[in-house]
Protein backbone atom coordinates (compact mmCIF):
# COMPACT_ATOMS: atom_id res chain seq x y z
CA MET A 1 -3.81 -24.96 -20.83
CA MET A 2 -3.48 -21.19 -20.79
CA THR A 3 -2.95 -19.47 -24.15
CA PRO A 4 -1.19 -16.23 -25.24
CA ALA A 5 -4.67 -14.67 -25.42
CA ASP A 6 -5.30 -15.61 -21.77
CA ASN A 7 -2.01 -13.95 -20.89
CA PHE A 8 -2.99 -10.79 -22.74
CA PHE A 9 -6.38 -10.48 -21.09
CA MET A 10 -5.00 -11.10 -17.59
CA LEU A 11 -2.27 -8.54 -18.10
CA ARG A 12 -5.00 -6.08 -19.10
CA ALA A 13 -6.91 -6.93 -15.92
CA LEU A 14 -3.74 -6.28 -13.85
CA GLU A 15 -3.24 -2.97 -15.65
CA LEU A 16 -6.78 -1.91 -14.81
CA ALA A 17 -6.37 -3.01 -11.16
CA ALA A 18 -3.36 -0.72 -10.74
CA SER A 19 -5.58 2.26 -11.60
CA GLY A 20 -7.09 2.07 -8.11
CA ALA A 21 -3.78 2.59 -6.28
CA GLY A 22 -4.22 4.93 -3.33
CA TYR A 23 -8.02 4.74 -3.30
CA THR A 24 -9.11 1.16 -2.42
CA SER A 25 -7.38 0.45 0.93
CA PRO A 26 -8.09 -1.59 3.00
CA ASN A 27 -9.56 -3.41 -0.01
CA PRO A 28 -7.18 -4.89 -2.58
CA LEU A 29 -6.50 -3.65 -6.10
CA VAL A 30 -8.67 -5.66 -8.47
CA GLY A 31 -9.22 -5.51 -12.23
CA CYS A 32 -11.67 -7.51 -14.32
CA VAL A 33 -11.95 -8.18 -18.08
CA ILE A 34 -14.85 -10.01 -19.72
CA VAL A 35 -14.15 -11.69 -23.07
CA HIS A 36 -16.52 -13.17 -25.67
CA ASN A 37 -15.14 -14.84 -28.78
CA ASN A 38 -11.66 -13.43 -28.03
CA GLU A 39 -13.02 -9.90 -27.85
CA ILE A 40 -13.31 -7.70 -24.72
CA ILE A 41 -16.93 -6.83 -24.14
CA GLY A 42 -16.61 -5.36 -20.67
CA GLU A 43 -13.91 -4.29 -18.25
CA GLY A 44 -13.61 -2.51 -14.94
CA TRP A 45 -11.61 -2.08 -11.76
CA HIS A 46 -12.23 -1.37 -8.09
CA GLN A 47 -12.01 2.42 -8.08
CA SER A 48 -12.52 3.35 -4.43
CA TYR A 49 -13.17 1.79 -1.07
CA GLY A 50 -16.89 1.33 -0.50
CA GLY A 51 -17.61 1.59 -4.24
CA PRO A 52 -18.58 -1.17 -6.70
CA HIS A 53 -16.00 -3.93 -7.13
CA ALA A 54 -14.19 -4.70 -10.35
CA GLU A 55 -16.55 -7.47 -11.39
CA VAL A 56 -19.59 -5.27 -10.95
CA ASN A 57 -18.08 -2.48 -13.05
CA ALA A 58 -17.05 -4.94 -15.74
CA VAL A 59 -20.48 -6.60 -15.95
CA ASN A 60 -22.18 -3.21 -16.03
CA ALA A 61 -19.96 -2.28 -19.00
CA VAL A 62 -21.30 -5.23 -21.07
CA LYS A 63 -23.96 -3.88 -23.39
CA ASP A 64 -25.53 -7.22 -24.26
CA LYS A 65 -25.85 -9.16 -21.02
CA LYS A 66 -26.96 -12.28 -22.94
CA LEU A 67 -23.35 -12.75 -23.98
CA LEU A 68 -22.21 -13.25 -20.42
CA SER A 69 -23.25 -16.90 -20.33
CA GLN A 70 -20.84 -17.56 -23.21
CA SER A 71 -18.01 -15.42 -21.84
CA THR A 72 -14.81 -15.84 -19.87
CA VAL A 73 -14.12 -13.54 -16.91
CA TYR A 74 -10.51 -12.63 -16.11
CA VAL A 75 -10.16 -11.24 -12.60
CA THR A 76 -7.01 -10.47 -10.63
CA LEU A 77 -8.32 -11.69 -7.25
CA GLU A 78 -10.76 -14.40 -6.23
CA PRO A 79 -14.30 -12.90 -6.32
CA CYS A 80 -15.55 -12.07 -2.86
CA SER A 81 -18.16 -14.33 -1.29
CA HIS A 82 -19.21 -12.22 1.68
CA PHE A 83 -21.25 -9.09 2.33
CA GLY A 84 -19.12 -6.05 3.11
CA LYS A 85 -19.72 -2.55 1.80
CA THR A 86 -21.18 -4.23 -1.29
CA PRO A 87 -22.83 -7.62 -2.06
CA PRO A 88 -20.71 -10.66 -2.95
CA CYS A 89 -19.28 -10.48 -6.45
CA VAL A 90 -19.43 -14.23 -6.83
CA ASP A 91 -23.23 -14.06 -6.66
CA LEU A 92 -23.28 -11.67 -9.62
CA LEU A 93 -21.17 -14.02 -11.73
CA VAL A 94 -23.36 -16.97 -10.76
CA LYS A 95 -26.50 -14.97 -11.58
CA HIS A 96 -25.30 -14.36 -15.11
CA ALA A 97 -24.01 -17.93 -15.40
CA VAL A 98 -20.66 -16.93 -16.94
CA LYS A 99 -18.94 -19.72 -18.79
CA LYS A 100 -15.50 -19.56 -17.17
CA VAL A 101 -13.54 -17.50 -14.60
CA ILE A 102 -9.77 -17.24 -14.73
CA ILE A 103 -8.26 -15.87 -11.47
CA CYS A 104 -4.83 -14.43 -10.89
CA ASN A 105 -4.63 -14.83 -7.05
CA ASN A 106 -6.66 -16.65 -4.46
CA ASP A 107 -7.83 -14.25 -1.71
CA PRO A 108 -5.85 -14.54 1.56
CA ASN A 109 -8.63 -12.77 3.50
CA PRO A 110 -10.21 -15.39 5.84
CA LEU A 111 -13.66 -14.05 4.85
CA VAL A 112 -13.05 -15.33 1.33
CA ALA A 113 -10.07 -17.75 1.19
CA GLY A 114 -11.36 -20.24 -1.34
CA ARG A 115 -15.09 -19.79 -0.73
CA GLY A 116 -15.53 -17.66 -3.85
CA ILE A 117 -13.93 -20.36 -6.04
CA ALA A 118 -15.96 -23.09 -4.39
CA LYS A 119 -19.23 -21.24 -4.98
CA LEU A 120 -18.42 -20.68 -8.65
CA ARG A 121 -17.69 -24.39 -9.15
CA GLU A 122 -20.79 -25.43 -7.28
CA ALA A 123 -22.74 -23.37 -9.81
CA GLY A 124 -21.13 -25.29 -12.67
CA ILE A 125 -18.76 -22.50 -13.71
CA GLU A 126 -15.29 -23.57 -14.86
CA VAL A 127 -12.55 -21.97 -12.77
CA GLU A 128 -8.79 -21.64 -13.28
CA SER A 129 -6.70 -19.93 -10.59
CA ASN A 130 -3.13 -18.84 -9.85
CA PHE A 131 -2.63 -17.54 -13.40
CA LEU A 132 0.20 -14.95 -13.48
CA ALA A 133 0.03 -15.20 -9.68
CA GLU A 134 3.45 -13.66 -9.08
CA LYS A 135 2.46 -10.47 -10.88
CA GLY A 136 -0.74 -10.32 -8.89
CA SER A 137 1.09 -10.84 -5.59
CA ILE A 138 3.44 -7.96 -6.38
CA LEU A 139 0.56 -5.68 -7.32
CA ASN A 140 -1.29 -6.49 -4.10
CA ARG A 141 1.77 -6.86 -1.85
CA ARG A 142 0.27 -4.56 0.77
CA PHE A 143 -2.92 -6.55 0.96
CA PHE A 144 -1.04 -9.89 1.06
CA THR A 145 1.44 -8.73 3.71
CA PHE A 146 -1.36 -7.42 5.90
CA HIS A 147 -3.21 -10.73 5.84
CA GLN A 148 -0.32 -13.15 5.77
CA GLN A 149 2.17 -11.42 8.13
CA LYS A 150 -0.45 -9.66 10.31
CA ARG A 151 1.20 -6.26 9.97
CA PRO A 152 1.17 -3.34 7.55
CA TYR A 153 3.44 -3.28 4.52
CA ILE A 154 6.38 -1.07 5.46
CA VAL A 155 8.05 1.36 3.04
CA LEU A 156 11.12 3.21 4.35
CA LYS A 157 12.02 6.49 2.72
CA TRP A 158 14.80 9.00 3.21
CA ALA A 159 16.93 11.50 1.33
CA GLN A 160 20.67 11.60 1.86
CA THR A 161 23.65 13.60 0.64
CA SER A 162 26.31 12.11 -1.60
CA ASP A 163 28.59 11.88 1.47
CA GLY A 164 26.01 9.84 3.39
CA PHE A 165 24.17 12.26 5.71
CA ILE A 166 20.45 12.47 6.31
CA ALA A 167 20.49 15.72 8.30
CA LYS A 168 22.87 18.34 9.66
CA GLU A 169 24.47 17.85 13.06
CA ASN A 170 22.22 20.46 14.71
CA TYR A 171 19.09 19.19 12.88
CA GLU A 172 18.84 22.53 11.07
CA PRO A 173 16.31 22.09 8.26
CA ALA A 174 18.02 21.75 4.91
CA ALA A 175 16.60 20.54 1.62
CA ILE A 176 18.56 17.57 0.26
CA SER A 177 16.73 16.29 -2.81
CA GLY A 178 15.35 18.36 -5.66
CA ALA A 179 11.89 19.61 -6.62
CA ILE A 180 11.00 16.66 -8.87
CA SER A 181 11.97 14.21 -6.13
CA LYS A 182 9.73 16.17 -3.72
CA ASN A 183 6.79 15.77 -6.09
CA LEU A 184 7.49 12.04 -6.32
CA VAL A 185 7.52 11.72 -2.52
CA HIS A 186 4.12 13.39 -2.32
CA LYS A 187 2.84 10.94 -4.95
CA TRP A 188 4.17 8.06 -2.77
CA ARG A 189 2.20 9.50 0.17
CA THR A 190 -1.04 9.08 -1.74
CA GLU A 191 -0.30 5.39 -2.30
CA GLU A 192 0.09 4.41 1.38
CA ALA A 193 -2.53 4.31 4.11
CA ALA A 194 -0.37 6.03 6.73
CA ILE A 195 2.89 7.93 7.18
CA LEU A 196 5.10 7.66 10.26
CA VAL A 197 7.70 10.00 11.82
CA GLY A 198 9.59 9.94 15.11
CA THR A 199 10.00 12.57 17.76
CA ASN A 200 13.09 14.29 16.37
CA THR A 201 11.75 14.57 12.86
CA ALA A 202 8.47 15.99 14.20
CA GLN A 203 10.25 18.54 16.36
CA PHE A 204 13.08 19.76 14.13
CA ASP A 205 11.52 19.43 10.70
CA ASN A 206 7.96 20.38 11.75
CA PRO A 207 6.51 18.51 8.72
CA LYS A 208 2.92 18.66 7.50
CA LEU A 209 3.05 15.17 5.97
CA ASN A 210 0.30 15.97 3.47
CA ILE A 211 0.17 15.80 -0.33
CA ARG A 212 0.19 19.46 -1.29
CA GLU A 213 2.53 18.66 -4.24
CA TRP A 214 0.21 15.99 -5.68
CA SER A 215 -3.46 15.14 -5.97
CA GLY A 216 -5.05 12.27 -4.07
CA LYS A 217 -5.83 11.16 -0.54
CA ASN A 218 -3.80 12.32 2.45
CA PRO A 219 -2.33 9.45 4.52
CA ILE A 220 -3.06 9.08 8.20
CA ARG A 221 -0.26 10.78 10.13
CA LEU A 222 1.45 8.66 12.78
CA VAL A 223 3.75 10.26 15.34
CA ILE A 224 5.96 8.68 17.96
CA ASP A 225 6.20 10.85 21.01
CA LYS A 226 6.86 8.48 23.89
CA ASN A 227 6.90 11.09 26.69
CA LEU A 228 4.55 13.61 25.08
CA ASN A 229 7.22 16.32 24.87
CA LEU A 230 6.31 17.66 21.41
CA PRO A 231 4.87 21.22 21.41
CA SER A 232 1.22 21.51 20.43
CA GLU A 233 2.02 24.24 17.91
CA LEU A 234 3.52 21.74 15.43
CA HIS A 235 1.84 21.25 12.06
CA LEU A 236 1.20 17.63 12.98
CA PHE A 237 -1.30 18.75 15.62
CA ASP A 238 -3.23 21.18 13.39
CA ARG A 239 -6.14 18.69 13.14
CA ASN A 240 -6.33 19.16 9.41
CA GLN A 241 -5.72 15.49 8.79
CA LYS A 242 -6.16 12.35 10.88
CA THR A 243 -3.24 12.00 13.27
CA ILE A 244 -2.44 9.32 15.85
CA VAL A 245 0.24 9.97 18.48
CA PHE A 246 1.80 6.84 19.97
CA ASN A 247 3.17 7.35 23.48
CA LEU A 248 3.73 5.76 26.91
CA LYS A 249 1.61 8.22 28.94
CA ARG A 250 -2.05 8.36 27.96
CA THR A 251 -4.86 7.34 25.64
CA GLU A 252 -7.12 10.19 24.68
CA PHE A 253 -9.42 11.10 21.85
CA LEU A 254 -9.24 14.86 21.45
CA HIS A 255 -10.78 15.32 18.03
CA ASP A 256 -11.84 13.36 14.96
CA ASN A 257 -8.37 14.14 13.55
CA LEU A 258 -6.23 13.92 16.70
CA GLU A 259 -5.89 10.89 18.94
CA PHE A 260 -3.34 9.77 21.52
CA VAL A 261 -2.69 6.02 21.99
CA ARG A 262 -0.75 4.73 24.96
CA LEU A 263 1.40 1.68 24.45
CA ASP A 264 2.71 -0.62 27.19
CA PRO A 265 6.14 0.53 28.44
CA GLU A 266 7.00 -3.03 29.41
CA SER A 267 6.56 -4.43 25.84
CA ASP A 268 8.35 -3.82 22.57
CA PHE A 269 7.19 -0.44 21.32
CA LEU A 270 7.52 -1.08 17.61
CA SER A 271 5.78 -4.45 17.68
CA GLN A 272 2.88 -2.94 19.65
CA LEU A 273 2.58 -0.08 17.17
CA LEU A 274 2.40 -2.44 14.19
CA TYR A 275 -0.12 -4.64 15.99
CA HIS A 276 -2.27 -1.60 16.72
CA LEU A 277 -2.13 -0.54 13.05
CA HIS A 278 -3.11 -4.04 11.96
CA GLN A 279 -6.11 -3.95 14.28
CA ARG A 280 -7.11 -0.64 12.67
CA GLN A 281 -6.96 -2.13 9.18
CA ILE A 282 -4.06 0.13 8.19
CA GLN A 283 -2.38 -1.91 5.50
CA SER A 284 0.69 0.13 4.61
CA VAL A 285 2.96 2.71 6.22
CA LEU A 286 5.48 5.07 4.62
CA VAL A 287 8.20 5.69 7.25
CA GLU A 288 9.77 9.13 6.85
CA GLY A 289 11.43 9.28 10.22
CA GLY A 290 15.04 10.00 11.08
CA THR A 291 17.95 7.57 11.28
CA PHE A 292 17.02 6.14 14.70
CA LEU A 293 13.49 5.23 13.68
CA LEU A 294 14.51 3.89 10.26
CA ASN A 295 17.28 1.79 11.79
CA SER A 296 14.80 0.37 14.30
CA PHE A 297 12.74 -1.06 11.43
CA ILE A 298 15.85 -2.29 9.64
CA LYS A 299 17.40 -3.98 12.76
CA ASN A 300 14.14 -5.73 13.55
CA ASN A 301 13.68 -6.82 9.94
CA LEU A 302 10.31 -5.10 9.84
CA TRP A 303 10.53 -3.50 6.42
CA ASP A 304 9.51 -4.44 2.88
CA GLU A 305 10.78 -1.67 0.66
CA ALA A 306 13.22 1.20 1.05
CA ARG A 307 13.37 4.18 -1.27
CA ILE A 308 16.50 6.31 -0.95
CA LEU A 309 16.92 9.61 -2.75
CA ARG A 310 20.61 10.55 -3.01
CA SER A 311 21.53 14.04 -4.10
CA LEU A 312 24.77 15.66 -5.24
CA LYS A 313 24.86 17.85 -2.13
CA GLN A 314 27.40 17.31 0.61
CA PHE A 315 27.17 18.23 4.32
CA SER A 316 30.71 17.10 5.30
CA ALA A 317 29.33 16.30 8.79
CA GLY A 318 25.90 15.48 10.19
CA ILE A 319 23.52 12.64 11.10
CA SER A 320 24.54 9.51 9.16
CA ALA A 321 21.97 7.82 6.93
CA PRO A 322 20.75 4.31 7.84
CA ASP A 323 22.52 1.23 6.45
CA LEU A 324 20.79 -1.40 4.33
CA PRO A 325 22.07 -4.77 3.14
CA LEU A 326 23.75 -4.32 -0.26
CA ASN A 327 22.07 -7.42 -1.61
CA SER A 328 18.65 -5.83 -1.13
CA LEU A 329 19.22 -3.25 -3.85
CA THR A 330 16.98 -4.05 -6.81
CA GLU A 331 16.56 -0.83 -8.90
CA ASN A 332 18.32 2.47 -9.51
CA PHE A 333 16.89 5.48 -11.35
CA CYS A 334 17.91 9.06 -12.14
CA ILE A 335 15.41 11.70 -10.92
CA ASP A 336 16.71 14.88 -12.48
CA GLN A 337 19.88 15.61 -10.44
CA ASP A 338 19.07 12.97 -7.85
CA GLN A 339 19.38 9.18 -7.84
CA LEU A 340 16.68 6.87 -6.55
CA PHE A 341 17.72 3.54 -5.06
CA ILE A 342 15.03 0.90 -4.44
CA HIS A 343 15.74 -1.90 -1.90
CA ARG A 344 13.37 -4.77 -1.30
CA ASN A 345 13.12 -7.16 1.61
CA ASN A 346 10.15 -9.43 1.03
CA PHE A 347 9.26 -12.67 -0.73
CA PHE A 348 7.11 -11.03 -3.38
CA PHE A 349 10.29 -9.85 -5.07
CA ASN A 350 12.97 -12.22 -3.77
CA ASN A 351 11.39 -15.59 -4.58
């Protein structure tokens, strides 16, 4: 029987886990809280890929290690049971013979998938799992989508005028949303593993797709250029950040930060692209393409979130914005003079 105190400590673990957003991929977000006599004696989170896991940081934060054998560990994801960049966290908990482990979510990764829980119980440690599981699934929706649906988590993003246009008729560059919205978009870029644009967006907007308006890690740039018609002078080919060009002509590795990947012209392009990203352990993609590319994801039901920034500006004519099902709208915010509409299309939010 879980208590209000259990609820409090797991919510704290989830809060800690979220601190790693943008830094842990392809690992999940994990937080850990260690409690002795209803008092937190250690806490930690997974801060960066390749670094110590949440459980390690939490155990290291405990000053008197003798208390661990009388303590309860609250962790947002099943402790790992395999060797990766670091040793198995479950071995650390077994070593210190903790009294009890309460877990938010079981790990969907086949390398773990119940093995961590089994090893804890074999060592005589009491285990409770699936506590506040819905909150944990939402927090780690990228990780869960990647393992359960075998594709990256897809976030669609665009800005549109109040009269429903995403660009001018001649593709002439024109700012739609405001400065604060621009900063927010750059923050979003730090939270996803990759960012995708189509041929028209690459050619007419000549974007850099970096995070110059925020601090954090640049996403991998993904470009669709089926016939390799884009000019080499574009910012996307400056080799300042890892870039993959998906096409139908050639596969070629030109530089650590510039690679061309040929897809099969006889098969569905978008499905192949997502399969390729899954094979590369790319767990999430922010799609900032034009209407054609965005609609391709929508029509194929290959999207999870959509973030639409609508400004007060009007174009009167131009390239129409994509259409989304009205029943997918879940949130609406004001961002200075703009409005942000959040649509969701996955079971983490709809169930």
